[in-house]
Protein backbone atom coordinates (compact mmCIF):
# COMPACT_ATOMS: atom_id res chain seq x y z
CA MET A 1 -15.22 -33.53 34.33
CA LEU A 2 -16.85 -36.29 32.31
CA PHE A 3 -15.34 -39.77 32.48
CA VAL A 4 -15.65 -42.18 29.56
CA LEU A 5 -14.68 -45.86 29.81
CA THR A 6 -12.26 -46.75 27.02
CA GLY A 7 -11.62 -50.38 27.94
CA PHE A 8 -10.12 -52.76 30.46
CA THR A 9 -7.28 -55.23 30.72
CA PRO A 10 -6.99 -58.24 32.98
CA ALA A 11 -4.00 -58.28 35.30
CA ALA A 12 -2.89 -60.83 37.89
CA GLY A 13 -6.01 -61.21 40.04
CA SER A 14 -7.37 -57.81 39.11
CA ARG A 15 -8.90 -55.82 36.30
CA VAL A 16 -7.60 -52.43 35.19
CA PHE A 17 -10.20 -50.07 33.73
CA ALA A 18 -9.05 -47.26 31.43
CA PHE A 19 -10.97 -43.97 31.34
CA GLN A 20 -10.63 -40.67 29.55
CA GLY A 21 -11.46 -37.64 31.62
CA ILE A 22 -12.88 -34.87 29.47
CA GLY A 23 -12.63 -31.41 31.03
CA ASP A 24 -14.80 -28.37 30.39
CA ASP A 25 -12.13 -27.16 27.96
CA ARG A 26 -12.43 -30.52 26.10
CA LYS A 27 -8.92 -31.49 27.18
CA ARG A 28 -8.62 -35.28 27.54
CA THR A 29 -6.70 -36.94 30.36
CA GLU A 30 -6.06 -40.66 30.77
CA PHE A 31 -6.99 -42.41 34.04
CA THR A 32 -6.87 -46.01 35.22
CA VAL A 33 -8.69 -47.70 38.07
CA THR A 34 -7.62 -51.13 39.34
CA ALA A 35 -10.12 -53.49 40.98
CA ASP A 36 -9.04 -56.57 42.94
CA LEU A 37 -11.23 -59.46 41.73
CA SER A 38 -10.93 -61.44 44.98
CA LEU A 39 -12.42 -58.47 46.88
CA VAL A 40 -15.12 -58.10 44.24
CA ARG A 41 -16.21 -61.71 44.84
CA MET A 42 -15.87 -61.36 48.62
CA TYR A 43 -18.27 -58.40 48.69
CA GLY A 44 -20.72 -59.92 46.20
CA ILE A 45 -20.28 -57.21 43.58
CA MET A 46 -21.24 -58.22 40.06
CA MET A 47 -18.62 -57.79 37.35
CA GLN A 48 -21.04 -55.63 35.36
CA GLU A 49 -21.06 -53.08 38.19
CA LEU A 50 -17.30 -52.54 38.22
CA PRO A 51 -17.09 -49.89 35.47
CA LEU A 52 -19.75 -47.82 37.23
CA LEU A 53 -18.01 -48.17 40.59
CA CYS A 54 -14.75 -47.07 39.01
CA ARG A 55 -16.40 -44.09 37.34
CA GLU A 56 -18.01 -43.09 40.67
CA LEU A 57 -14.56 -43.25 42.29
CA LEU A 58 -13.19 -40.95 39.60
CA GLU A 59 -16.12 -38.55 39.91
CA HIS A 60 -15.72 -38.29 43.69
CA GLY A 61 -12.00 -37.79 43.23
CA ALA A 62 -12.59 -35.05 40.67
CA GLU A 63 -14.78 -33.17 43.16
CA SER A 64 -11.89 -33.08 45.63
CA GLY A 65 -9.20 -32.24 43.08
CA LEU A 66 -8.09 -35.49 41.49
CA GLU A 67 -4.31 -35.44 41.10
CA ASN A 68 -3.49 -39.14 40.76
CA HIS A 69 -4.21 -40.70 37.37
CA ALA A 70 -3.86 -44.31 38.56
CA LEU A 71 -6.42 -45.18 41.27
CA THR A 72 -7.40 -48.36 43.06
CA LEU A 73 -10.90 -49.43 44.01
CA THR A 74 -10.29 -50.19 47.69
CA GLU A 75 -11.91 -52.63 50.06
CA ALA A 76 -13.58 -49.70 51.81
CA ASP A 77 -15.15 -48.60 48.49
CA MET A 78 -16.49 -52.12 47.94
CA ARG A 79 -17.80 -52.32 51.50
CA VAL A 80 -19.74 -49.08 50.95
CA ARG A 81 -21.19 -50.51 47.73
CA ARG A 82 -22.22 -53.74 49.51
CA ASP A 83 -23.90 -51.71 52.26
CA HIS A 84 -25.79 -49.63 49.68
CA LEU A 85 -26.98 -52.79 47.93
CA ALA A 86 -28.12 -54.29 51.25
CA ALA A 87 -30.02 -51.09 52.09
CA ASP A 88 -31.68 -51.11 48.66
CA ARG A 89 -32.73 -54.76 49.12
CA ALA A 90 -34.08 -54.05 52.61
CA GLU A 91 -36.10 -51.13 51.27
CA ALA A 92 -37.50 -53.27 48.44
CA ASP A 93 -38.44 -56.00 50.93
CA ARG A 94 -40.08 -53.40 53.18
CA LYS A 95 -42.14 -52.04 50.29
CA LYS A 96 -43.08 -55.56 49.25
CA SER A 97 -44.36 -56.31 52.77
CA LEU A 98 -46.51 -53.16 52.70
CA ARG A 99 -48.41 -54.31 49.63
CA LYS A 100 -51.94 -55.20 50.44
CA THR A 101 -53.37 -58.34 49.02
CA PRO A 102 -56.89 -58.01 47.68
CA PRO A 103 -59.58 -59.42 49.95
CA ARG A 104 -60.70 -62.94 49.16
CA ARG A 105 -64.09 -63.22 47.61
CA PRO A 106 -66.43 -65.30 49.70
CA ALA A 107 -67.66 -68.59 48.27
CA GLY A 108 -70.71 -68.09 46.12
CA ALA A 109 -69.89 -64.46 45.32
CA ASP A 110 -70.05 -65.28 41.60
CA ILE A 111 -73.69 -66.33 41.86
CA VAL A 112 -76.17 -63.62 41.02
CA MET A 113 -79.86 -64.43 41.54
CA GLY A 114 -79.27 -68.16 41.34
CA MET A 115 -77.16 -68.02 38.18
CA ALA A 116 -73.41 -68.47 37.97
CA ARG A 117 -71.43 -65.85 36.05
């Protein structure tokens, strides 16, 4: 099933994202995913990431036979996202530390036969 974001509405301390699920037979089904904004801030998730997190939740639910059309992005889901982000940052830092800096040129290396380049 393909999930398409159709919009969102703010609700008391949360944001409700509306999706259309499009089946292989092109049948459309409405879904909503609610995200608690205080948890979003607590786990350092950017607001721009919320629609993707909600879509991932729907996709995982569809794999296991999604029956509920109104889902909630839980604290556990956000914790997993935070851990993935931390792992990605650690990997980027590790790769950055593996970069080799070019060797320093010794003083006077620009002089060829008594002339400066």
